Amino acid sequence: MTAKTNETMKNGLAAAALLAGGIGAFGVGLMTVLSEASAAIKTAITFYAPAGPLSGKTTIGVLIWLVTWAVLGYLWKDKDVSFGKVVVAAFVFLALGFLFTFPPFFLLFEA
């Protein structure tokens, strides 16, 4: 039998992962809008010519996600954060990321 303890698990690492995912999705959306707004950015983020700027949009989005996850995970690893606020923030970032990758929206910024 195991003894019951009053110790609760900290939610910082889970919150960091969730928020980082939302911020990463926002990063992809932001790069989509920026590449439509600027020919220079579109050229700069074309890392693989056959894929065009999509290669840079997704690569930068993944890098934003990983760096954010690492930083927040380090800062929140032993903390109990307000999970409800983190969930709301993550879904706001996710919704904005989806909006920014929706063609009728990002084409408004076409150069």
N, C-alpha and C. Protein backbone atom coordinates (compact mmCIF):
# COMPACT_ATOMS: atom_id res chain seq x y z
N MET A 1 0.82 -1.18 0.00
CA MET A 1 0.00 0.00 0.00
C MET A 1 0.87 1.25 0.00
N THR A 2 0.39 2.26 -0.66
CA THR A 2 1.11 3.52 -0.66
C THR A 2 0.43 4.49 0.29
N ALA A 3 1.24 5.29 0.89
CA ALA A 3 0.72 6.28 1.83
C ALA A 3 0.25 7.50 1.06
N LYS A 4 -0.85 8.08 1.50
CA LYS A 4 -1.35 9.31 0.89
C LYS A 4 -0.49 10.47 1.37
N THR A 5 -0.24 11.38 0.47
CA THR A 5 0.49 12.59 0.84
C THR A 5 -0.33 13.80 0.43
N ASN A 6 -0.04 14.89 1.05
CA ASN A 6 -0.72 16.14 0.71
C ASN A 6 0.01 16.90 -0.39
N GLU A 7 1.09 16.32 -0.88
CA GLU A 7 1.88 16.98 -1.90
C GLU A 7 1.17 16.87 -3.25
N THR A 8 1.05 17.99 -3.94
CA THR A 8 0.42 17.99 -5.25
C THR A 8 1.48 18.16 -6.32
N MET A 9 1.18 17.65 -7.48
CA MET A 9 2.11 17.80 -8.59
C MET A 9 2.04 19.23 -9.13
N LYS A 10 3.16 19.75 -9.52
CA LYS A 10 3.22 21.08 -10.12
C LYS A 10 2.80 20.98 -11.59
N ASN A 11 2.11 21.99 -12.09
CA ASN A 11 1.60 21.95 -13.46
C ASN A 11 2.41 22.81 -14.43
N GLY A 12 3.53 23.34 -13.98
CA GLY A 12 4.31 24.27 -14.80
C GLY A 12 4.78 23.69 -16.12
N LEU A 13 5.27 22.44 -16.10
CA LEU A 13 5.77 21.85 -17.34
C LEU A 13 4.64 21.62 -18.35
N ALA A 14 3.51 21.16 -17.88
CA ALA A 14 2.37 20.96 -18.79
C ALA A 14 1.88 22.29 -19.33
N ALA A 15 1.82 23.29 -18.48
CA ALA A 15 1.38 24.62 -18.92
C ALA A 15 2.36 25.19 -19.94
N ALA A 16 3.65 24.98 -19.72
CA ALA A 16 4.66 25.47 -20.66
C ALA A 16 4.49 24.82 -22.03
N ALA A 17 4.24 23.52 -22.05
CA ALA A 17 4.05 22.81 -23.31
C ALA A 17 2.82 23.32 -24.05
N LEU A 18 1.74 23.52 -23.33
CA LEU A 18 0.50 23.98 -23.94
C LEU A 18 0.64 25.40 -24.51
N LEU A 19 1.19 26.29 -23.72
CA LEU A 19 1.34 27.67 -24.17
C LEU A 19 2.34 27.77 -25.32
N ALA A 20 3.41 27.00 -25.26
CA ALA A 20 4.40 27.01 -26.34
C ALA A 20 3.78 26.54 -27.65
N GLY A 21 2.89 25.57 -27.60
CA GLY A 21 2.21 25.12 -28.82
C GLY A 21 1.38 26.22 -29.44
N GLY A 22 0.66 26.95 -28.61
CA GLY A 22 -0.13 28.07 -29.12
C GLY A 22 0.75 29.16 -29.71
N ILE A 23 1.83 29.46 -29.03
CA ILE A 23 2.74 30.50 -29.52
C ILE A 23 3.42 30.06 -30.82
N GLY A 24 3.75 28.78 -30.93
CA GLY A 24 4.34 28.26 -32.16
C GLY A 24 3.38 28.37 -33.34
N ALA A 25 2.10 28.05 -33.10
CA ALA A 25 1.09 28.19 -34.15
C ALA A 25 0.94 29.66 -34.56
N PHE A 26 0.99 30.55 -33.58
CA PHE A 26 0.95 31.98 -33.88
C PHE A 26 2.17 32.38 -34.72
N GLY A 27 3.32 31.81 -34.42
CA GLY A 27 4.53 32.11 -35.18
C GLY A 27 4.40 31.73 -36.65
N VAL A 28 3.81 30.57 -36.92
CA VAL A 28 3.58 30.16 -38.31
C VAL A 28 2.64 31.16 -38.99
N GLY A 29 1.57 31.53 -38.31
CA GLY A 29 0.63 32.49 -38.87
C GLY A 29 1.26 33.85 -39.12
N LEU A 30 2.05 34.30 -38.17
CA LEU A 30 2.71 35.59 -38.31
C LEU A 30 3.68 35.58 -39.50
N MET A 31 4.43 34.51 -39.65
CA MET A 31 5.34 34.42 -40.78
C MET A 31 4.58 34.38 -42.11
N THR A 32 3.39 33.80 -42.10
CA THR A 32 2.56 33.78 -43.31
C THR A 32 2.15 35.19 -43.71
N VAL A 33 1.68 35.95 -42.74
CA VAL A 33 1.28 37.34 -43.01
C VAL A 33 2.49 38.17 -43.43
N LEU A 34 3.59 38.03 -42.73
CA LEU A 34 4.78 38.83 -43.06
C LEU A 34 5.32 38.49 -44.44
N SER A 35 5.27 37.22 -44.83
CA SER A 35 5.77 36.86 -46.15
C SER A 35 4.88 37.38 -47.27
N GLU A 36 3.60 37.57 -46.98
CA GLU A 36 2.70 38.18 -47.97
C GLU A 36 2.90 39.69 -48.04
N ALA A 37 3.25 40.28 -46.93
CA ALA A 37 3.40 41.74 -46.86
C ALA A 37 4.72 42.22 -47.44
N SER A 38 5.72 41.36 -47.45
CA SER A 38 7.04 41.80 -47.86
C SER A 38 7.71 40.77 -48.76
N ALA A 39 8.08 41.21 -49.96
CA ALA A 39 8.78 40.33 -50.89
C ALA A 39 10.15 39.95 -50.33
N ALA A 40 10.77 40.87 -49.60
CA ALA A 40 12.09 40.59 -49.02
C ALA A 40 12.00 39.47 -47.98
N ILE A 41 10.97 39.51 -47.16
CA ILE A 41 10.79 38.46 -46.16
C ILE A 41 10.47 37.13 -46.85
N LYS A 42 9.63 37.19 -47.87
CA LYS A 42 9.28 35.97 -48.60
C LYS A 42 10.53 35.32 -49.17
N THR A 43 11.43 36.12 -49.72
CA THR A 43 12.68 35.60 -50.26
C THR A 43 13.59 35.09 -49.15
N ALA A 44 13.67 35.84 -48.06
CA ALA A 44 14.56 35.46 -46.96
C ALA A 44 14.17 34.15 -46.28
N ILE A 45 12.87 33.85 -46.24
CA ILE A 45 12.45 32.63 -45.55
C ILE A 45 12.24 31.46 -46.51
N THR A 46 12.67 31.60 -47.74
CA THR A 46 12.63 30.47 -48.68
C THR A 46 13.91 29.67 -48.46
N PHE A 47 13.83 28.70 -47.56
CA PHE A 47 14.99 27.88 -47.21
C PHE A 47 15.20 26.73 -48.19
N TYR A 48 14.12 26.29 -48.85
CA TYR A 48 14.16 25.19 -49.80
C TYR A 48 13.29 25.60 -50.98
N ALA A 49 13.94 25.89 -52.12
CA ALA A 49 13.26 26.50 -53.26
C ALA A 49 12.01 25.75 -53.73
N PRO A 50 12.03 24.41 -53.85
CA PRO A 50 10.80 23.75 -54.33
C PRO A 50 9.59 23.97 -53.41
N ALA A 51 9.82 24.20 -52.13
CA ALA A 51 8.70 24.45 -51.21
C ALA A 51 8.38 25.92 -51.07
N GLY A 52 9.27 26.77 -51.52
CA GLY A 52 9.05 28.22 -51.42
C GLY A 52 9.11 28.70 -49.98
N PRO A 53 8.41 29.78 -49.68
CA PRO A 53 8.48 30.35 -48.33
C PRO A 53 7.82 29.46 -47.26
N LEU A 54 7.06 28.46 -47.68
CA LEU A 54 6.48 27.54 -46.70
C LEU A 54 7.57 26.87 -45.86
N SER A 55 8.72 26.60 -46.49
CA SER A 55 9.81 25.96 -45.75
C SER A 55 10.29 26.84 -44.59
N GLY A 56 10.34 28.12 -44.80
CA GLY A 56 10.76 29.04 -43.74
C GLY A 56 9.66 29.28 -42.72
N LYS A 57 8.42 29.39 -43.18
CA LYS A 57 7.30 29.62 -42.25
C LYS A 57 7.23 28.51 -41.21
N THR A 58 7.29 27.27 -41.68
CA THR A 58 7.17 26.14 -40.75
C THR A 58 8.44 25.96 -39.91
N THR A 59 9.59 26.17 -40.51
CA THR A 59 10.84 26.04 -39.75
C THR A 59 10.90 27.07 -38.64
N ILE A 60 10.58 28.30 -38.94
CA ILE A 60 10.60 29.36 -37.93
C ILE A 60 9.53 29.11 -36.87
N GLY A 61 8.35 28.65 -37.29
CA GLY A 61 7.30 28.32 -36.33
C GLY A 61 7.73 27.23 -35.36
N VAL A 62 8.38 26.20 -35.89
CA VAL A 62 8.87 25.11 -35.02
C VAL A 62 9.96 25.63 -34.08
N LEU A 63 10.85 26.46 -34.57
CA LEU A 63 11.89 27.03 -33.71
C LEU A 63 11.29 27.90 -32.60
N ILE A 64 10.29 28.70 -32.95
CA ILE A 64 9.60 29.51 -31.93
C ILE A 64 8.99 28.60 -30.87
N TRP A 65 8.33 27.54 -31.32
CA TRP A 65 7.71 26.59 -30.40
C TRP A 65 8.75 25.96 -29.47
N LEU A 66 9.85 25.46 -30.04
CA LEU A 66 10.87 24.79 -29.23
C LEU A 66 11.54 25.72 -28.24
N VAL A 67 11.90 26.91 -28.69
CA VAL A 67 12.55 27.87 -27.79
C VAL A 67 11.59 28.30 -26.68
N THR A 68 10.34 28.58 -27.04
CA THR A 68 9.36 28.98 -26.04
C THR A 68 9.13 27.87 -25.03
N TRP A 69 9.01 26.64 -25.51
CA TRP A 69 8.81 25.49 -24.62
C TRP A 69 10.00 25.32 -23.68
N ALA A 70 11.21 25.45 -24.21
CA ALA A 70 12.41 25.30 -23.38
C ALA A 70 12.48 26.39 -22.31
N VAL A 71 12.24 27.63 -22.70
CA VAL A 71 12.34 28.75 -21.76
C VAL A 71 11.24 28.66 -20.69
N LEU A 72 9.99 28.48 -21.13
CA LEU A 72 8.89 28.39 -20.17
C LEU A 72 9.03 27.15 -19.30
N GLY A 73 9.45 26.05 -19.88
CA GLY A 73 9.66 24.83 -19.10
C GLY A 73 10.70 25.02 -18.02
N TYR A 74 11.77 25.72 -18.36
CA TYR A 74 12.81 26.00 -17.36
C TYR A 74 12.28 26.93 -16.27
N LEU A 75 11.55 27.96 -16.68
CA LEU A 75 11.05 28.94 -15.71
C LEU A 75 9.94 28.38 -14.82
N TRP A 76 9.12 27.49 -15.36
CA TRP A 76 7.93 27.01 -14.66
C TRP A 76 8.06 25.59 -14.14
N LYS A 77 9.21 24.94 -14.26
CA LYS A 77 9.32 23.52 -13.95
C LYS A 77 8.90 23.16 -12.52
N ASP A 78 9.14 24.00 -11.58
CA ASP A 78 8.79 23.72 -10.18
C ASP A 78 7.67 24.62 -9.68
N LYS A 79 6.90 25.15 -10.60
CA LYS A 79 5.86 26.10 -10.20
C LYS A 79 4.46 25.53 -10.49
N ASP A 80 3.52 26.07 -9.77
CA ASP A 80 2.12 25.78 -10.00
C ASP A 80 1.51 27.05 -10.57
N VAL A 81 1.26 27.06 -11.88
CA VAL A 81 0.77 28.27 -12.55
C VAL A 81 -0.74 28.21 -12.69
N SER A 82 -1.34 29.34 -12.97
CA SER A 82 -2.78 29.43 -13.18
C SER A 82 -3.12 28.78 -14.51
N PHE A 83 -3.47 27.50 -14.46
CA PHE A 83 -3.66 26.72 -15.69
C PHE A 83 -4.80 27.27 -16.55
N GLY A 84 -5.84 27.78 -15.94
CA GLY A 84 -6.95 28.34 -16.70
C GLY A 84 -6.51 29.51 -17.56
N LYS A 85 -5.69 30.38 -17.00
CA LYS A 85 -5.19 31.53 -17.77
C LYS A 85 -4.28 31.07 -18.89
N VAL A 86 -3.47 30.06 -18.63
CA VAL A 86 -2.56 29.53 -19.65
C VAL A 86 -3.36 28.92 -20.79
N VAL A 87 -4.41 28.18 -20.47
CA VAL A 87 -5.26 27.57 -21.50
C VAL A 87 -5.89 28.65 -22.37
N VAL A 88 -6.42 29.69 -21.75
CA VAL A 88 -7.04 30.77 -22.52
C VAL A 88 -6.00 31.43 -23.42
N ALA A 89 -4.83 31.74 -22.89
CA ALA A 89 -3.78 32.38 -23.69
C ALA A 89 -3.35 31.47 -24.84
N ALA A 90 -3.18 30.18 -24.57
CA ALA A 90 -2.76 29.23 -25.60
C ALA A 90 -3.80 29.18 -26.73
N PHE A 91 -5.07 29.14 -26.38
CA PHE A 91 -6.10 29.07 -27.41
C PHE A 91 -6.27 30.38 -28.15
N VAL A 92 -5.98 31.50 -27.52
CA VAL A 92 -5.99 32.78 -28.23
C VAL A 92 -4.86 32.80 -29.27
N PHE A 93 -3.66 32.37 -28.86
CA PHE A 93 -2.55 32.31 -29.81
C PHE A 93 -2.85 31.33 -30.95
N LEU A 94 -3.43 30.19 -30.61
CA LEU A 94 -3.79 29.19 -31.62
C LEU A 94 -4.82 29.76 -32.60
N ALA A 95 -5.84 30.42 -32.09
CA ALA A 95 -6.87 31.01 -32.95
C ALA A 95 -6.28 32.08 -33.87
N LEU A 96 -5.40 32.91 -33.33
CA LEU A 96 -4.75 33.92 -34.17
C LEU A 96 -3.87 33.27 -35.23
N GLY A 97 -3.16 32.21 -34.85
CA GLY A 97 -2.35 31.49 -35.81
C GLY A 97 -3.18 30.94 -36.95
N PHE A 98 -4.34 30.35 -36.62
CA PHE A 98 -5.24 29.86 -37.66
C PHE A 98 -5.76 31.00 -38.53
N LEU A 99 -6.16 32.09 -37.90
CA LEU A 99 -6.66 33.24 -38.66
C LEU A 99 -5.61 33.74 -39.63
N PHE A 100 -4.38 33.86 -39.16
CA PHE A 100 -3.30 34.40 -39.99
C PHE A 100 -2.93 33.48 -41.15
N THR A 101 -3.29 32.20 -41.08
CA THR A 101 -3.00 31.29 -42.19
C THR A 101 -4.21 31.07 -43.08
N PHE A 102 -5.29 31.78 -42.84
CA PHE A 102 -6.51 31.68 -43.63
C PHE A 102 -6.37 32.63 -44.83
N PRO A 103 -6.38 32.10 -46.07
CA PRO A 103 -6.08 32.93 -47.24
C PRO A 103 -6.85 34.25 -47.35
N PRO A 104 -8.16 34.31 -47.09
CA PRO A 104 -8.80 35.62 -47.20
C PRO A 104 -8.20 36.66 -46.24
N PHE A 105 -7.62 36.20 -45.13
CA PHE A 105 -7.01 37.14 -44.21
C PHE A 105 -5.60 37.53 -44.66
N PHE A 106 -4.72 36.55 -44.89
CA PHE A 106 -3.33 36.91 -45.21
C PHE A 106 -3.20 37.56 -46.57
N LEU A 107 -4.14 37.34 -47.46
CA LEU A 107 -4.07 38.01 -48.77
C LEU A 107 -4.41 39.49 -48.67
N LEU A 108 -4.99 39.92 -47.56
CA LEU A 108 -5.21 41.35 -47.35
C LEU A 108 -3.89 42.11 -47.27
N PHE A 109 -2.82 41.40 -46.94
CA PHE A 109 -1.50 42.02 -46.76
C PHE A 109 -0.60 41.83 -47.96
N GLU A 110 -1.14 41.30 -49.05
CA GLU A 110 -0.36 41.00 -50.22
C GLU A 110 0.35 42.25 -50.75
N ALA A 111 1.65 42.12 -50.99
CA ALA A 111 2.45 43.26 -51.45
C ALA A 111 2.20 43.55 -52.92
